[in-house]
Each structure stands twice: as C-alpha cells, then as structure tokens.
C-alpha cells in the first residue's frame, strides 16, 4: 500500500521537474534568438549605409553619418551642437589631413525662418565642425571653409540642416 500512497507525490515531483526543464530550455532558446537578432540588424546597418543616412537625417536630433567618403553632420533646428560620435566619424578625414590632404567644410541650412539667421547658423555649424577638427590635431591651414553655391540644402528640413566634410582631391 505504501507504493500507491507515494504515487501522487511522485507525479507532482515529476511534473515540477518537467516544468523546470521546459522553462530552462525555453529560456536558453529565447536568449539564443535574442542574441542572433541583435547581431543581424547591426550587420545589415553596416551594409545599408545610405539607408542609415536617410533615417538618421529624418529626425530633428543631431546626427552624423559617413556617405561615400563625405562626413555629413545633421543638426537640430536652431542649434549648432555636434552629434555624439563626431570625432569617430571624422577619423578617416583627420588621418587624411594629417597626411597632407586638405579638408573642405561646407554648411547648408533649411528654408524655414529668417534667411540671414539661417546663413549665420550654417556658418556657426561649419565653425563647430572646424573646431572639432582642429581640436583633434588637424592644422588650421589644412581646413578650408567653403560657402556652397547653393546654401539651402536639398531634401527635407532635417537633411538640409547639415555640414559636409570632404577630403579635397
């Protein structure tokens, strides 16, 4: 009789053990899936740089992207603050300038607001980028501020508020 009395207890213990095993396996699978999905978007973002540039420039926050060798700084409306990661994005340009190449900085603005204020703000933004380059060890003579022929940037307003840094040929 003793074996029949213990049977419900064994069932409960077995059920608890099976539940713990199922939860452990589910947790392991979930962590594995999460990690694999976390790595895939980063790899896709590295391949799709132009798409990232469009996304980065679509908000009203400061951002920086490198597109076809040109470093593009996007600015929040009415501000001249550089985005986080500015010096990292300028790495190739800084190396080229230290090797004797000239860097060309051009500032653009959007079409909203007072044109004179926008032109001055575009200049302040270009000067902020210039200051970052000089602060990183680029000689002042190696940086040229160039007013673009068309100072109003193309694209939406967030894309238009930009400063471009290019390595002169």
C-alpha atoms as a PDB file:
ATOM      1  CA  UNK A   1       0.000   0.000   0.000  1.00  0.00           C
ATOM      2  CA  UNK A   2       2.849   2.265   0.621  1.00  0.00           C
ATOM      3  CA  UNK A   3       3.762   2.394  -3.070  1.00  0.00           C
ATOM      4  CA  UNK A   4       0.241   3.502  -4.020  1.00  0.00           C
ATOM      5  CA  UNK A   5       0.240   6.237  -1.403  1.00  0.00           C
ATOM      6  CA  UNK A   6       3.521   7.667  -2.768  1.00  0.00           C
ATOM      7  CA  UNK A   7       2.341   7.703  -6.417  1.00  0.00           C
ATOM      8  CA  UNK A   8       0.602  11.131  -6.281  1.00  0.00           C
ATOM      9  CA  UNK A   9       3.729  12.639  -4.704  1.00  0.00           C
ATOM     10  CA  UNK A  10       5.917  11.198  -7.493  1.00  0.00           C
ATOM     11  CA  UNK A  11       3.569  12.651 -10.073  1.00  0.00           C
ATOM     12  CA  UNK A  12       3.834  16.108  -8.504  1.00  0.00           C
ATOM     13  CA  UNK A  13       7.631  15.886  -8.323  1.00  0.00           C
ATOM     14  CA  UNK A  14       7.816  14.636 -11.914  1.00  0.00           C
ATOM     15  CA  UNK A  15       5.517  17.430 -13.093  1.00  0.00           C
ATOM     16  CA  UNK A  16       7.620  20.042 -11.302  1.00  0.00           C
ATOM     17  CA  UNK A  17      10.851  18.640 -12.766  1.00  0.00           C
ATOM     18  CA  UNK A  18       9.428  18.526 -16.274  1.00  0.00           C
ATOM     19  CA  UNK A  19       8.192  22.109 -15.898  1.00  0.00           C
ATOM     20  CA  UNK A  20      11.624  23.301 -14.750  1.00  0.00           C
ATOM     21  CA  UNK A  21      13.298  21.533 -17.682  1.00  0.00           C
ATOM     22  CA  UNK A  22      10.840  23.049 -20.184  1.00  0.00           C
ATOM     23  CA  UNK A  23      11.371  26.529 -18.711  1.00  0.00           C
ATOM     24  CA  UNK A  24      15.174  26.127 -18.823  1.00  0.00           C
ATOM     25  CA  UNK A  25      15.092  25.003 -22.462  1.00  0.00           C
ATOM     26  CA  UNK A  26      12.707  27.849 -23.366  1.00  0.00           C
ATOM     27  CA  UNK A  27      14.926  30.401 -21.644  1.00  0.00           C
ATOM     28  CA  UNK A  28      18.026  29.099 -23.437  1.00  0.00           C
ATOM     29  CA  UNK A  29      16.246  29.249 -26.803  1.00  0.00           C
ATOM     30  CA  UNK A  30      14.910  32.721 -26.088  1.00  0.00           C
ATOM     31  CA  UNK A  31      18.341  34.065 -25.198  1.00  0.00           C
ATOM     32  CA  UNK A  32      19.825  32.490 -28.315  1.00  0.00           C
ATOM     33  CA  UNK A  33      17.165  34.011 -30.554  1.00  0.00           C
ATOM     34  CA  UNK A  34      17.544  37.409 -28.895  1.00  0.00           C
ATOM     35  CA  UNK A  35      21.315  37.401 -29.384  1.00  0.00           C
ATOM     36  CA  UNK A  36      21.076  36.314 -33.010  1.00  0.00           C
ATOM     37  CA  UNK A  37      18.516  39.023 -33.802  1.00  0.00           C
ATOM     38  CA  UNK A  38      20.646  41.639 -32.041  1.00  0.00           C
ATOM     39  CA  UNK A  39      23.661  40.914 -34.274  1.00  0.00           C
ATOM     40  CA  UNK A  40      21.744  40.767 -37.556  1.00  0.00           C
ATOM     41  CA  UNK A  41      20.463  44.379 -37.585  1.00  0.00           C
ATOM     42  CA  UNK A  42      23.958  45.701 -36.832  1.00  0.00           C
ATOM     43  CA  UNK A  43      25.383  43.770 -39.771  1.00  0.00           C
ATOM     44  CA  UNK A  44      22.543  44.907 -42.011  1.00  0.00           C
ATOM     45  CA  UNK A  45      23.058  48.520 -40.937  1.00  0.00           C
ATOM     46  CA  UNK A  46      26.734  48.366 -41.863  1.00  0.00           C
ATOM     47  CA  UNK A  47      25.829  47.167 -45.359  1.00  0.00           C
ATOM     48  CA  UNK A  48      22.988  49.670 -45.836  1.00  0.00           C
ATOM     49  CA  UNK A  49      24.853  52.910 -45.015  1.00  0.00           C
ATOM     50  CA  UNK A  50      22.868  55.126 -47.446  1.00  0.00           C
ATOM     51  CA  UNK A  51      19.612  53.933 -45.916  1.00  0.00           C
ATOM     52  CA  UNK A  52      21.009  54.679 -42.460  1.00  0.00           C
ATOM     53  CA  UNK A  53      21.895  58.185 -43.616  1.00  0.00           C
ATOM     54  CA  UNK A  54      18.333  58.828 -44.699  1.00  0.00           C
ATOM     55  CA  UNK A  55      16.961  57.518 -41.423  1.00  0.00           C
ATOM     56  CA  UNK A  56      19.493  59.460 -39.320  1.00  0.00           C
ATOM     57  CA  UNK A  57      18.687  62.693 -41.108  1.00  0.00           C
ATOM     58  CA  UNK A  58      14.936  62.294 -40.878  1.00  0.00           C
ATOM     59  CA  UNK A  59      14.664  63.298 -37.221  1.00  0.00           C
ATOM     60  CA  UNK A  60      15.202  66.663 -35.568  1.00  0.00           C
ATOM     61  CA  UNK A  61      18.121  65.379 -33.495  1.00  0.00           C
ATOM     62  CA  UNK A  62      21.797  65.954 -34.224  1.00  0.00           C
ATOM     63  CA  UNK A  63      23.429  63.037 -36.023  1.00  0.00           C
ATOM     64  CA  UNK A  64      26.462  62.243 -38.126  1.00  0.00           C
ATOM     65  CA  UNK A  65      26.928  59.786 -40.987  1.00  0.00           C
ATOM     66  CA  UNK A  66      29.662  58.959 -43.478  1.00  0.00           C
ATOM     67  CA  UNK A  67      28.393  58.554 -47.013  1.00  0.00           C
ATOM     68  CA  UNK A  68      30.685  57.949 -49.997  1.00  0.00           C
ATOM     69  CA  UNK A  69      33.682  59.345 -48.095  1.00  0.00           C
ATOM     70  CA  UNK A  70      31.859  62.555 -47.113  1.00  0.00           C
ATOM     71  CA  UNK A  71      31.139  63.113 -43.425  1.00  0.00           C
ATOM     72  CA  UNK A  72      27.697  64.678 -43.035  1.00  0.00           C
ATOM     73  CA  UNK A  73      26.718  66.359 -39.793  1.00  0.00           C
ATOM     74  CA  UNK A  74      22.997  66.925 -39.311  1.00  0.00           C
ATOM     75  CA  UNK A  75      21.813  69.471 -36.759  1.00  0.00           C
ATOM     76  CA  UNK A  76      18.741  70.034 -34.658  1.00  0.00           C
ATOM     77  CA  UNK A  77      16.695  73.037 -35.696  1.00  0.00           C
ATOM     78  CA  UNK A  78      18.246  76.307 -34.487  1.00  0.00           C
ATOM     79  CA  UNK A  79      21.303  74.594 -32.958  1.00  0.00           C
ATOM     80  CA  UNK A  80      24.975  74.182 -33.801  1.00  0.00           C
ATOM     81  CA  UNK A  81      25.778  71.323 -31.398  1.00  0.00           C
ATOM     82  CA  UNK A  82      27.667  68.385 -32.884  1.00  0.00           C
ATOM     83  CA  UNK A  83      26.218  64.913 -32.581  1.00  0.00           C
ATOM     84  CA  UNK A  84      27.756  62.270 -30.379  1.00  0.00           C
ATOM     85  CA  UNK A  85      30.357  60.271 -32.284  1.00  0.00           C
ATOM     86  CA  UNK A  86      31.529  63.251 -34.341  1.00  0.00           C
ATOM     87  CA  UNK A  87      35.232  62.537 -33.901  1.00  0.00           C
ATOM     88  CA  UNK A  88      34.749  58.847 -34.657  1.00  0.00           C
ATOM     89  CA  UNK A  89      33.048  59.711 -37.940  1.00  0.00           C
ATOM     90  CA  UNK A  90      35.868  62.136 -38.798  1.00  0.00           C
ATOM     91  CA  UNK A  91      38.589  59.507 -38.298  1.00  0.00           C
ATOM     92  CA  UNK A  92      39.383  58.997 -41.985  1.00  0.00           C
ATOM     93  CA  UNK A  93      39.253  62.735 -42.712  1.00  0.00           C
ATOM     94  CA  UNK A  94      41.553  63.510 -39.764  1.00  0.00           C
ATOM     95  CA  UNK A  95      44.057  60.884 -40.944  1.00  0.00           C
ATOM     96  CA  UNK A  96      43.970  62.309 -44.486  1.00  0.00           C
ATOM     97  CA  UNK A  97      44.514  65.858 -43.205  1.00  0.00           C
ATOM     98  CA  UNK A  98      47.452  64.758 -41.064  1.00  0.00           C
ATOM     99  CA  UNK A  99      48.894  63.093 -44.175  1.00  0.00           C
ATOM    100  CA  UNK A 100      48.812  66.422 -46.034  1.00  0.00           C
ATOM    101  CA  UNK A 101      45.375  66.403 -47.685  1.00  0.00           C
ATOM    102  CA  UNK A 102      43.097  69.430 -47.398  1.00  0.00           C
ATOM    103  CA  UNK A 103      39.610  69.130 -45.897  1.00  0.00           C
ATOM    104  CA  UNK A 104      36.738  71.178 -47.294  1.00  0.00           C
ATOM    105  CA  UNK A 105      33.840  72.107 -44.998  1.00  0.00           C
ATOM    106  CA  UNK A 106      30.528  73.344 -46.431  1.00  0.00           C
ATOM    107  CA  UNK A 107      27.494  74.411 -44.402  1.00  0.00           C
ATOM    108  CA  UNK A 108      23.871  74.252 -45.537  1.00  0.00           C
ATOM    109  CA  UNK A 109      20.580  75.319 -43.995  1.00  0.00           C
ATOM    110  CA  UNK A 110      16.883  74.671 -44.428  1.00  0.00           C
ATOM    111  CA  UNK A 111      14.322  77.030 -45.948  1.00  0.00           C
ATOM    112  CA  UNK A 112      12.404  77.798 -42.752  1.00  0.00           C
ATOM    113  CA  UNK A 113      12.802  81.035 -40.822  1.00  0.00           C
ATOM    114  CA  UNK A 114      14.894  84.144 -41.480  1.00  0.00           C
ATOM    115  CA  UNK A 115      17.414  83.617 -44.339  1.00  0.00           C
ATOM    116  CA  UNK A 116      20.070  85.847 -42.712  1.00  0.00           C
ATOM    117  CA  UNK A 117      19.790  83.967 -39.408  1.00  0.00           C
ATOM    118  CA  UNK A 118      19.962  80.642 -41.262  1.00  0.00           C
ATOM    119  CA  UNK A 119      23.109  81.709 -43.133  1.00  0.00           C
ATOM    120  CA  UNK A 120      24.782  82.737 -39.861  1.00  0.00           C
ATOM    121  CA  UNK A 121      23.696  79.492 -38.184  1.00  0.00           C
ATOM    122  CA  UNK A 122      25.110  77.456 -41.092  1.00  0.00           C
ATOM    123  CA  UNK A 123      28.400  79.317 -40.609  1.00  0.00           C
ATOM    124  CA  UNK A 124      28.379  78.628 -36.851  1.00  0.00           C
ATOM    125  CA  UNK A 125      27.772  74.935 -37.555  1.00  0.00           C
ATOM    126  CA  UNK A 126      30.680  74.822 -40.019  1.00  0.00           C
ATOM    127  CA  UNK A 127      32.894  76.577 -37.454  1.00  0.00           C
ATOM    128  CA  UNK A 128      31.891  73.998 -34.812  1.00  0.00           C
ATOM    129  CA  UNK A 129      32.979  71.181 -37.140  1.00  0.00           C
ATOM    130  CA  UNK A 130      36.202  73.074 -37.913  1.00  0.00           C
ATOM    131  CA  UNK A 131      36.885  73.485 -34.189  1.00  0.00           C
ATOM    132  CA  UNK A 132      36.413  69.737 -33.670  1.00  0.00           C
ATOM    133  CA  UNK A 133      38.911  69.000 -36.445  1.00  0.00           C
ATOM    134  CA  UNK A 134      41.483  71.458 -35.084  1.00  0.00           C
ATOM    135  CA  UNK A 135      40.921  70.065 -31.589  1.00  0.00           C
ATOM    136  CA  UNK A 136      41.702  66.597 -32.972  1.00  0.00           C
ATOM    137  CA  UNK A 137      45.084  67.785 -34.242  1.00  0.00           C
ATOM    138  CA  UNK A 138      44.319  68.936 -37.790  1.00  0.00           C
ATOM    139  CA  UNK A 139      46.280  72.064 -38.732  1.00  0.00           C
ATOM    140  CA  UNK A 140      44.094  75.129 -39.345  1.00  0.00           C
ATOM    141  CA  UNK A 141      45.749  75.542 -42.750  1.00  0.00           C
ATOM    142  CA  UNK A 142      44.521  72.056 -43.664  1.00  0.00           C
ATOM    143  CA  UNK A 143      40.865  73.045 -43.293  1.00  0.00           C
ATOM    144  CA  UNK A 144      39.056  75.182 -45.866  1.00  0.00           C
ATOM    145  CA  UNK A 145      35.638  76.696 -45.178  1.00  0.00           C
ATOM    146  CA  UNK A 146      33.805  76.839 -48.485  1.00  0.00           C
ATOM    147  CA  UNK A 147      30.459  78.535 -48.905  1.00  0.00           C
ATOM    148  CA  UNK A 148      28.477  76.316 -51.262  1.00  0.00           C
ATOM    149  CA  UNK A 149      26.976  77.831 -54.390  1.00  0.00           C
ATOM    150  CA  UNK A 150      23.553  76.846 -53.118  1.00  0.00           C
ATOM    151  CA  UNK A 151      23.432  77.230 -49.356  1.00  0.00           C
ATOM    152  CA  UNK A 152      19.934  75.811 -48.965  1.00  0.00           C
ATOM    153  CA  UNK A 153      20.309  72.085 -48.576  1.00  0.00           C
ATOM    154  CA  UNK A 154      18.279  69.589 -50.532  1.00  0.00           C
ATOM    155  CA  UNK A 155      15.838  67.089 -49.058  1.00  0.00           C
ATOM    156  CA  UNK A 156      13.599  67.595 -46.074  1.00  0.00           C
ATOM    157  CA  UNK A 157      14.433  70.242 -43.460  1.00  0.00           C
ATOM    158  CA  UNK A 158      16.328  67.815 -41.235  1.00  0.00           C
ATOM    159  CA  UNK A 159      18.502  66.738 -44.184  1.00  0.00           C
ATOM    160  CA  UNK A 160      19.028  70.340 -45.283  1.00  0.00           C
ATOM    161  CA  UNK A 161      20.495  71.405 -41.902  1.00  0.00           C
ATOM    162  CA  UNK A 162      23.915  69.908 -42.427  1.00  0.00           C
ATOM    163  CA  UNK A 163      27.638  70.474 -42.678  1.00  0.00           C
ATOM    164  CA  UNK A 164      29.675  68.321 -45.046  1.00  0.00           C
ATOM    165  CA  UNK A 165      33.369  67.496 -44.656  1.00  0.00           C
ATOM    166  CA  UNK A 166      35.093  66.193 -47.771  1.00  0.00           C
ATOM    167  CA  UNK A 167      38.713  65.325 -48.483  1.00  0.00           C
ATOM    168  CA  UNK A 168      39.884  67.563 -51.332  1.00  0.00           C
ATOM    169  CA  UNK A 169      41.214  65.665 -54.362  1.00  0.00           C
END
